[in-house]
Amino acid sequence: MGPYTIEEVVSKNVVKLKLLTSMRIHLVVNVSRVVKYKEPMKRQRVEEPNPVEVEEIEEWKVKKILNKRKAWGIEKYLVC
């Protein structure tokens, strides 16, 4: 998951993260759970993120809508 911004250093062992309000996880975490974000290297295979469950519905973060079509009355989107 992530990357996320550290909103506040609560103590030397605890940080508060800046998260979306739709995420149902605790904002305050132990520093042992936090690692510095590294950009992917050139030609490095990037794993697709798993969906985030919001109110028992799976959701993904969409960067851009590439195409849209209608099939059997249902709109479908090609996204990245």
PDB file of N, CA and C in Angstrom:
ATOM      1  N   MET A   1       0.836  -1.179   0.000  1.00  0.00           N
ATOM      2  CA  MET A   1       0.000   0.000   0.000  1.00  0.00           C
ATOM      3  C   MET A   1       0.883   1.245   0.000  1.00  0.00           C
ATOM      4  N   GLY A   2       0.314   2.314  -0.414  1.00  0.00           N
ATOM      5  CA  GLY A   2       1.021   3.583  -0.318  1.00  0.00           C
ATOM      6  C   GLY A   2       1.521   4.034  -1.665  1.00  0.00           C
ATOM      7  N   PRO A   3       2.313   5.009  -1.741  1.00  0.00           N
ATOM      8  CA  PRO A   3       2.940   5.729  -0.632  1.00  0.00           C
ATOM      9  C   PRO A   3       1.971   6.695   0.045  1.00  0.00           C
ATOM     10  N   TYR A   4       2.202   6.928   1.323  1.00  0.00           N
ATOM     11  CA  TYR A   4       1.403   7.855   2.104  1.00  0.00           C
ATOM     12  C   TYR A   4       2.311   8.871   2.778  1.00  0.00           C
ATOM     13  N   THR A   5       1.754  10.016   3.097  1.00  0.00           N
ATOM     14  CA  THR A   5       2.500  11.088   3.740  1.00  0.00           C
ATOM     15  C   THR A   5       2.392  10.950   5.253  1.00  0.00           C
ATOM     16  N   ILE A   6       3.512  11.190   5.943  1.00  0.00           N
ATOM     17  CA  ILE A   6       3.488  11.231   7.404  1.00  0.00           C
ATOM     18  C   ILE A   6       2.991  12.612   7.796  1.00  0.00           C
ATOM     19  N   GLU A   7       1.848  12.638   8.452  1.00  0.00           N
ATOM     20  CA  GLU A   7       1.228  13.900   8.841  1.00  0.00           C
ATOM     21  C   GLU A   7       1.849  14.471  10.113  1.00  0.00           C
ATOM     22  N   GLU A   8       2.184  13.571  11.055  1.00  0.00           N
ATOM     23  CA  GLU A   8       2.705  14.029  12.341  1.00  0.00           C
ATOM     24  C   GLU A   8       3.536  12.933  12.987  1.00  0.00           C
ATOM     25  N   VAL A   9       4.627  13.311  13.642  1.00  0.00           N
ATOM     26  CA  VAL A   9       5.407  12.382  14.450  1.00  0.00           C
ATOM     27  C   VAL A   9       4.871  12.523  15.873  1.00  0.00           C
ATOM     28  N   VAL A  10       4.149  11.510  16.316  1.00  0.00           N
ATOM     29  CA  VAL A  10       3.503  11.542  17.624  1.00  0.00           C
ATOM     30  C   VAL A  10       4.528  11.340  18.727  1.00  0.00           C
ATOM     31  N   SER A  11       5.420  10.370  18.532  1.00  0.00           N
ATOM     32  CA  SER A  11       6.523  10.111  19.454  1.00  0.00           C
ATOM     33  C   SER A  11       7.647   9.477  18.647  1.00  0.00           C
ATOM     34  N   LYS A  12       8.729   9.082  19.306  1.00  0.00           N
ATOM     35  CA  LYS A  12       9.843   8.500  18.547  1.00  0.00           C
ATOM     36  C   LYS A  12       9.484   7.137  17.945  1.00  0.00           C
ATOM     37  N   ASN A  13       8.418   6.512  18.431  1.00  0.00           N
ATOM     38  CA  ASN A  13       8.004   5.198  17.931  1.00  0.00           C
ATOM     39  C   ASN A  13       6.693   5.198  17.161  1.00  0.00           C
ATOM     40  N   VAL A  14       6.015   6.347  17.095  1.00  0.00           N
ATOM     41  CA  VAL A  14       4.675   6.386  16.517  1.00  0.00           C
ATOM     42  C   VAL A  14       4.545   7.577  15.568  1.00  0.00           C
ATOM     43  N   VAL A  15       3.909   7.314  14.396  1.00  0.00           N
ATOM     44  CA  VAL A  15       3.624   8.377  13.433  1.00  0.00           C
ATOM     45  C   VAL A  15       2.155   8.337  13.054  1.00  0.00           C
ATOM     46  N   LYS A  16       1.646   9.504  12.652  1.00  0.00           N
ATOM     47  CA  LYS A  16       0.277   9.600  12.164  1.00  0.00           C
ATOM     48  C   LYS A  16       0.343   9.803  10.660  1.00  0.00           C
ATOM     49  N   LEU A  17      -0.373   8.969   9.894  1.00  0.00           N
ATOM     50  CA  LEU A  17      -0.346   9.021   8.437  1.00  0.00           C
ATOM     51  C   LEU A  17      -1.511   9.843   7.903  1.00  0.00           C
ATOM     52  N   LYS A  18      -1.285  10.456   6.750  1.00  0.00           N
ATOM     53  CA  LYS A  18      -2.354  11.176   6.053  1.00  0.00           C
ATOM     54  C   LYS A  18      -2.981  10.188   5.072  1.00  0.00           C
ATOM     55  N   LEU A  19      -4.205   9.742   5.370  1.00  0.00           N
ATOM     56  CA  LEU A  19      -4.884   8.729   4.567  1.00  0.00           C
ATOM     57  C   LEU A  19      -6.215   9.261   4.061  1.00  0.00           C
ATOM     58  N   LEU A  20      -6.754   8.596   3.067  1.00  0.00           N
ATOM     59  CA  LEU A  20      -8.091   8.921   2.572  1.00  0.00           C
ATOM     60  C   LEU A  20      -9.116   8.605   3.655  1.00  0.00           C
ATOM     61  N   THR A  21     -10.141   9.410   3.746  1.00  0.00           N
ATOM     62  CA  THR A  21     -11.170   9.160   4.758  1.00  0.00           C
ATOM     63  C   THR A  21     -11.938   7.868   4.478  1.00  0.00           C
ATOM     64  N   SER A  22     -11.926   7.408   3.234  1.00  0.00           N
ATOM     65  CA  SER A  22     -12.634   6.173   2.896  1.00  0.00           C
ATOM     66  C   SER A  22     -11.892   4.920   3.362  1.00  0.00           C
ATOM     67  N   MET A  23     -10.609   5.065   3.722  1.00  0.00           N
ATOM     68  CA  MET A  23      -9.840   3.907   4.185  1.00  0.00           C
ATOM     69  C   MET A  23     -10.177   3.642   5.646  1.00  0.00           C
ATOM     70  N   ARG A  24     -10.501   2.417   5.928  1.00  0.00           N
ATOM     71  CA  ARG A  24     -10.908   2.060   7.291  1.00  0.00           C
ATOM     72  C   ARG A  24      -9.766   1.396   8.040  1.00  0.00           C
ATOM     73  N   ILE A  25      -8.666   2.119   8.159  1.00  0.00           N
ATOM     74  CA  ILE A  25      -7.547   1.637   8.956  1.00  0.00           C
ATOM     75  C   ILE A  25      -7.124   2.746   9.897  1.00  0.00           C
ATOM     76  N   HIS A  26      -6.400   2.382  10.934  1.00  0.00           N
ATOM     77  CA  HIS A  26      -5.993   3.349  11.947  1.00  0.00           C
ATOM     78  C   HIS A  26      -4.936   4.284  11.381  1.00  0.00           C
ATOM     79  N   LEU A  27      -5.057   5.579  11.673  1.00  0.00           N
ATOM     80  CA  LEU A  27      -4.132   6.583  11.153  1.00  0.00           C
ATOM     81  C   LEU A  27      -2.784   6.565  11.868  1.00  0.00           C
ATOM     82  N   VAL A  28      -2.755   6.111  13.115  1.00  0.00           N
ATOM     83  CA  VAL A  28      -1.544   6.119  13.924  1.00  0.00           C
ATOM     84  C   VAL A  28      -0.925   4.725  13.903  1.00  0.00           C
ATOM     85  N   VAL A  29       0.361   4.642  13.499  1.00  0.00           N
ATOM     86  CA  VAL A  29       1.038   3.347  13.387  1.00  0.00           C
ATOM     87  C   VAL A  29       2.421   3.416  14.007  1.00  0.00           C
ATOM     88  N   ASN A  30       2.951   2.260  14.351  1.00  0.00           N
ATOM     89  CA  ASN A  30       4.314   2.156  14.861  1.00  0.00           C
ATOM     90  C   ASN A  30       5.293   2.367  13.715  1.00  0.00           C
ATOM     91  N   VAL A  31       6.425   3.003  13.986  1.00  0.00           N
ATOM     92  CA  VAL A  31       7.408   3.292  12.940  1.00  0.00           C
ATOM     93  C   VAL A  31       7.987   2.031  12.310  1.00  0.00           C
ATOM     94  N   SER A  32       7.889   0.897  12.986  1.00  0.00           N
ATOM     95  CA  SER A  32       8.384  -0.357  12.412  1.00  0.00           C
ATOM     96  C   SER A  32       7.569  -0.769  11.181  1.00  0.00           C
ATOM     97  N   ARG A  33       6.347  -0.214  11.024  1.00  0.00           N
ATOM     98  CA  ARG A  33       5.486  -0.514   9.877  1.00  0.00           C
ATOM     99  C   ARG A  33       5.704   0.441   8.711  1.00  0.00           C
ATOM    100  N   VAL A  34       6.559   1.445   8.898  1.00  0.00           N
ATOM    101  CA  VAL A  34       6.760   2.486   7.889  1.00  0.00           C
ATOM    102  C   VAL A  34       8.131   2.313   7.243  1.00  0.00           C
ATOM    103  N   VAL A  35       8.158   2.314   5.901  1.00  0.00           N
ATOM    104  CA  VAL A  35       9.425   2.252   5.164  1.00  0.00           C
ATOM    105  C   VAL A  35       9.456   3.386   4.144  1.00  0.00           C
ATOM    106  N   LYS A  36      10.653   3.843   3.815  1.00  0.00           N
ATOM    107  CA  LYS A  36      10.806   4.921   2.847  1.00  0.00           C
ATOM    108  C   LYS A  36      10.422   4.417   1.458  1.00  0.00           C
ATOM    109  N   TYR A  37       9.678   5.228   0.714  1.00  0.00           N
ATOM    110  CA  TYR A  37       9.227   4.872  -0.627  1.00  0.00           C
ATOM    111  C   TYR A  37      10.380   4.956  -1.614  1.00  0.00           C
ATOM    112  N   LYS A  38      10.501   3.958  -2.477  1.00  0.00           N
ATOM    113  CA  LYS A  38      11.521   3.950  -3.535  1.00  0.00           C
ATOM    114  C   LYS A  38      10.809   3.887  -4.878  1.00  0.00           C
ATOM    115  N   GLU A  39      11.194   4.768  -5.797  1.00  0.00           N
ATOM    116  CA  GLU A  39      10.637   4.741  -7.154  1.00  0.00           C
ATOM    117  C   GLU A  39      11.067   3.442  -7.839  1.00  0.00           C
ATOM    118  N   PRO A  40      10.213   2.862  -8.695  1.00  0.00           N
ATOM    119  CA  PRO A  40      10.625   1.670  -9.439  1.00  0.00           C
ATOM    120  C   PRO A  40      11.759   2.012 -10.404  1.00  0.00           C
ATOM    121  N   MET A  41      12.684   1.068 -10.571  1.00  0.00           N
ATOM    122  CA  MET A  41      13.797   1.268 -11.496  1.00  0.00           C
ATOM    123  C   MET A  41      13.311   1.054 -12.923  1.00  0.00           C
ATOM    124  N   LYS A  42      14.065   1.568 -13.901  1.00  0.00           N
ATOM    125  CA  LYS A  42      13.701   1.385 -15.307  1.00  0.00           C
ATOM    126  C   LYS A  42      13.598  -0.097 -15.613  1.00  0.00           C
ATOM    127  N   ARG A  43      12.579  -0.460 -16.378  1.00  0.00           N
ATOM    128  CA  ARG A  43      12.297  -1.837 -16.802  1.00  0.00           C
ATOM    129  C   ARG A  43      11.931  -2.764 -15.650  1.00  0.00           C
ATOM    130  N   GLN A  44      11.745  -2.227 -14.449  1.00  0.00           N
ATOM    131  CA  GLN A  44      11.329  -3.049 -13.321  1.00  0.00           C
ATOM    132  C   GLN A  44       9.839  -3.330 -13.443  1.00  0.00           C
ATOM    133  N   ARG A  45       9.456  -4.562 -13.259  1.00  0.00           N
ATOM    134  CA  ARG A  45       8.053  -4.937 -13.333  1.00  0.00           C
ATOM    135  C   ARG A  45       7.325  -4.410 -12.094  1.00  0.00           C
ATOM    136  N   VAL A  46       6.276  -3.669 -12.326  1.00  0.00           N
ATOM    137  CA  VAL A  46       5.497  -3.098 -11.230  1.00  0.00           C
ATOM    138  C   VAL A  46       4.285  -3.980 -10.996  1.00  0.00           C
ATOM    139  N   GLU A  47       4.113  -4.432  -9.758  1.00  0.00           N
ATOM    140  CA  GLU A  47       2.977  -5.294  -9.428  1.00  0.00           C
ATOM    141  C   GLU A  47       1.704  -4.466  -9.365  1.00  0.00           C
ATOM    142  N   GLU A  48       0.628  -5.047  -9.869  1.00  0.00           N
ATOM    143  CA  GLU A  48      -0.670  -4.380  -9.815  1.00  0.00           C
ATOM    144  C   GLU A  48      -1.150  -4.376  -8.364  1.00  0.00           C
ATOM    145  N   PRO A  49      -1.701  -3.262  -7.901  1.00  0.00           N
ATOM    146  CA  PRO A  49      -2.170  -3.207  -6.508  1.00  0.00           C
ATOM    147  C   PRO A  49      -3.424  -4.043  -6.321  1.00  0.00           C
ATOM    148  N   ASN A  50      -3.592  -4.537  -5.114  1.00  0.00           N
ATOM    149  CA  ASN A  50      -4.800  -5.266  -4.763  1.00  0.00           C
ATOM    150  C   ASN A  50      -5.910  -4.255  -4.510  1.00  0.00           C
ATOM    151  N   PRO A  51      -7.146  -4.662  -4.664  1.00  0.00           N
ATOM    152  CA  PRO A  51      -8.238  -3.726  -4.412  1.00  0.00           C
ATOM    153  C   PRO A  51      -8.330  -3.370  -2.930  1.00  0.00           C
ATOM    154  N   VAL A  52      -8.872  -2.200  -2.652  1.00  0.00           N
ATOM    155  CA  VAL A  52      -9.132  -1.759  -1.292  1.00  0.00           C
ATOM    156  C   VAL A  52     -10.611  -1.949  -1.047  1.00  0.00           C
ATOM    157  N   GLU A  53     -10.965  -2.539   0.079  1.00  0.00           N
ATOM    158  CA  GLU A  53     -12.371  -2.784   0.368  1.00  0.00           C
ATOM    159  C   GLU A  53     -12.936  -1.603   1.146  1.00  0.00           C
ATOM    160  N   VAL A  54     -13.948  -0.948   0.575  1.00  0.00           N
ATOM    161  CA  VAL A  54     -14.613   0.185   1.209  1.00  0.00           C
ATOM    162  C   VAL A  54     -16.080  -0.169   1.341  1.00  0.00           C
ATOM    163  N   GLU A  55     -16.558  -0.238   2.565  1.00  0.00           N
ATOM    164  CA  GLU A  55     -17.941  -0.611   2.841  1.00  0.00           C
ATOM    165  C   GLU A  55     -18.322  -1.892   2.108  1.00  0.00           C
ATOM    166  N   GLU A  56     -17.452  -2.899   2.205  1.00  0.00           N
ATOM    167  CA  GLU A  56     -17.634  -4.240   1.645  1.00  0.00           C
ATOM    168  C   GLU A  56     -17.684  -4.266   0.116  1.00  0.00           C
ATOM    169  N   ILE A  57     -17.162  -3.207  -0.543  1.00  0.00           N
ATOM    170  CA  ILE A  57     -17.078  -3.155  -2.005  1.00  0.00           C
ATOM    171  C   ILE A  57     -15.608  -2.975  -2.380  1.00  0.00           C
ATOM    172  N   GLU A  58     -15.114  -3.806  -3.327  1.00  0.00           N
ATOM    173  CA  GLU A  58     -13.727  -3.681  -3.763  1.00  0.00           C
ATOM    174  C   GLU A  58     -13.580  -2.473  -4.682  1.00  0.00           C
ATOM    175  N   GLU A  59     -12.541  -1.658  -4.432  1.00  0.00           N
ATOM    176  CA  GLU A  59     -12.277  -0.477  -5.243  1.00  0.00           C
ATOM    177  C   GLU A  59     -10.791  -0.405  -5.573  1.00  0.00           C
ATOM    178  N   TRP A  60     -10.473   0.197  -6.724  1.00  0.00           N
ATOM    179  CA  TRP A  60      -9.097   0.443  -7.123  1.00  0.00           C
ATOM    180  C   TRP A  60      -8.929   1.929  -7.378  1.00  0.00           C
ATOM    181  N   LYS A  61      -7.716   2.433  -7.196  1.00  0.00           N
ATOM    182  CA  LYS A  61      -7.433   3.826  -7.512  1.00  0.00           C
ATOM    183  C   LYS A  61      -7.159   3.912  -9.010  1.00  0.00           C
ATOM    184  N   VAL A  62      -7.818   4.826  -9.706  1.00  0.00           N
ATOM    185  CA  VAL A  62      -7.689   4.976 -11.155  1.00  0.00           C
ATOM    186  C   VAL A  62      -6.886   6.231 -11.460  1.00  0.00           C
ATOM    187  N   LYS A  63      -5.825   6.080 -12.279  1.00  0.00           N
ATOM    188  CA  LYS A  63      -5.028   7.235 -12.682  1.00  0.00           C
ATOM    189  C   LYS A  63      -5.655   7.952 -13.866  1.00  0.00           C
ATOM    190  N   LYS A  64      -6.142   7.167 -14.854  1.00  0.00           N
ATOM    191  CA  LYS A  64      -6.660   7.762 -16.074  1.00  0.00           C
ATOM    192  C   LYS A  64      -7.618   6.787 -16.755  1.00  0.00           C
ATOM    193  N   ILE A  65      -8.694   7.312 -17.342  1.00  0.00           N
ATOM    194  CA  ILE A  65      -9.619   6.505 -18.141  1.00  0.00           C
ATOM    195  C   ILE A  65      -9.124   6.554 -19.583  1.00  0.00           C
ATOM    196  N   LEU A  66      -8.773   5.380 -20.137  1.00  0.00           N
ATOM    197  CA  LEU A  66      -8.222   5.304 -21.490  1.00  0.00           C
ATOM    198  C   LEU A  66      -9.298   5.121 -22.554  1.00  0.00           C
ATOM    199  N   ASN A  67     -10.365   4.386 -22.222  1.00  0.00           N
ATOM    200  CA  ASN A  67     -11.417   4.104 -23.197  1.00  0.00           C
ATOM    201  C   ASN A  67     -12.691   3.722 -22.459  1.00  0.00           C
ATOM    202  N   LYS A  68     -13.825   3.841 -23.162  1.00  0.00           N
ATOM    203  CA  LYS A  68     -15.120   3.494 -22.582  1.00  0.00           C
ATOM    204  C   LYS A  68     -15.962   2.824 -23.662  1.00  0.00           C
ATOM    205  N   ARG A  69     -16.720   1.789 -23.284  1.00  0.00           N
ATOM    206  CA  ARG A  69     -17.628   1.144 -24.225  1.00  0.00           C
ATOM    207  C   ARG A  69     -18.844   0.647 -23.469  1.00  0.00           C
ATOM    208  N   LYS A  70     -19.883   0.357 -24.213  1.00  0.00           N
ATOM    209  CA  LYS A  70     -21.105  -0.161 -23.624  1.00  0.00           C
ATOM    210  C   LYS A  70     -21.307  -1.578 -24.134  1.00  0.00           C
ATOM    211  N   ALA A  71     -21.458  -2.534 -23.229  1.00  0.00           N
ATOM    212  CA  ALA A  71     -21.681  -3.931 -23.601  1.00  0.00           C
ATOM    213  C   ALA A  71     -22.854  -4.455 -22.793  1.00  0.00           C
ATOM    214  N   TRP A  72     -23.895  -4.919 -23.512  1.00  0.00           N
ATOM    215  CA  TRP A  72     -25.101  -5.455 -22.880  1.00  0.00           C
ATOM    216  C   TRP A  72     -25.726  -4.435 -21.923  1.00  0.00           C
ATOM    217  N   GLY A  73     -25.648  -3.166 -22.286  1.00  0.00           N
ATOM    218  CA  GLY A  73     -26.254  -2.115 -21.471  1.00  0.00           C
ATOM    219  C   GLY A  73     -25.432  -1.675 -20.273  1.00  0.00           C
ATOM    220  N   ILE A  74     -24.214  -2.226 -20.146  1.00  0.00           N
ATOM    221  CA  ILE A  74     -23.347  -1.882 -19.015  1.00  0.00           C
ATOM    222  C   ILE A  74     -22.135  -1.115 -19.547  1.00  0.00           C
ATOM    223  N   GLU A  75     -21.848   0.047 -18.952  1.00  0.00           N
ATOM    224  CA  GLU A  75     -20.671   0.805 -19.361  1.00  0.00           C
ATOM    225  C   GLU A  75     -19.429   0.171 -18.760  1.00  0.00           C
ATOM    226  N   LYS A  76     -18.403  -0.054 -19.609  1.00  0.00           N
ATOM    227  CA  LYS A  76     -17.140  -0.621 -19.175  1.00  0.00           C
ATOM    228  C   LYS A  76     -16.025   0.347 -19.510  1.00  0.00           C
ATOM    229  N   TYR A  77     -15.027   0.428 -18.629  1.00  0.00           N
ATOM    230  CA  TYR A  77     -13.946   1.376 -18.773  1.00  0.00           C
ATOM    231  C   TYR A  77     -12.594   0.659 -18.839  1.00  0.00           C
ATOM    232  N   LEU A  78     -11.695   1.161 -19.713  1.00  0.00           N
ATOM    233  CA  LEU A  78     -10.307   0.716 -19.736  1.00  0.00           C
ATOM    234  C   LEU A  78      -9.523   1.791 -18.997  1.00  0.00           C
ATOM    235  N   VAL A  79      -8.877   1.393 -17.898  1.00  0.00           N
ATOM    236  CA  VAL A  79      -8.196   2.364 -17.027  1.00  0.00           C
ATOM    237  C   VAL A  79      -6.742   1.974 -16.792  1.00  0.00           C
ATOM    238  N   CYS A  80      -5.985   2.945 -16.330  1.00  0.00           N
ATOM    239  CA  CYS A  80      -4.606   2.658 -15.880  1.00  0.00           C
ATOM    240  C   CYS A  80      -4.390   3.316 -14.553  1.00  0.00           C
TER     241      CYS A  80
END
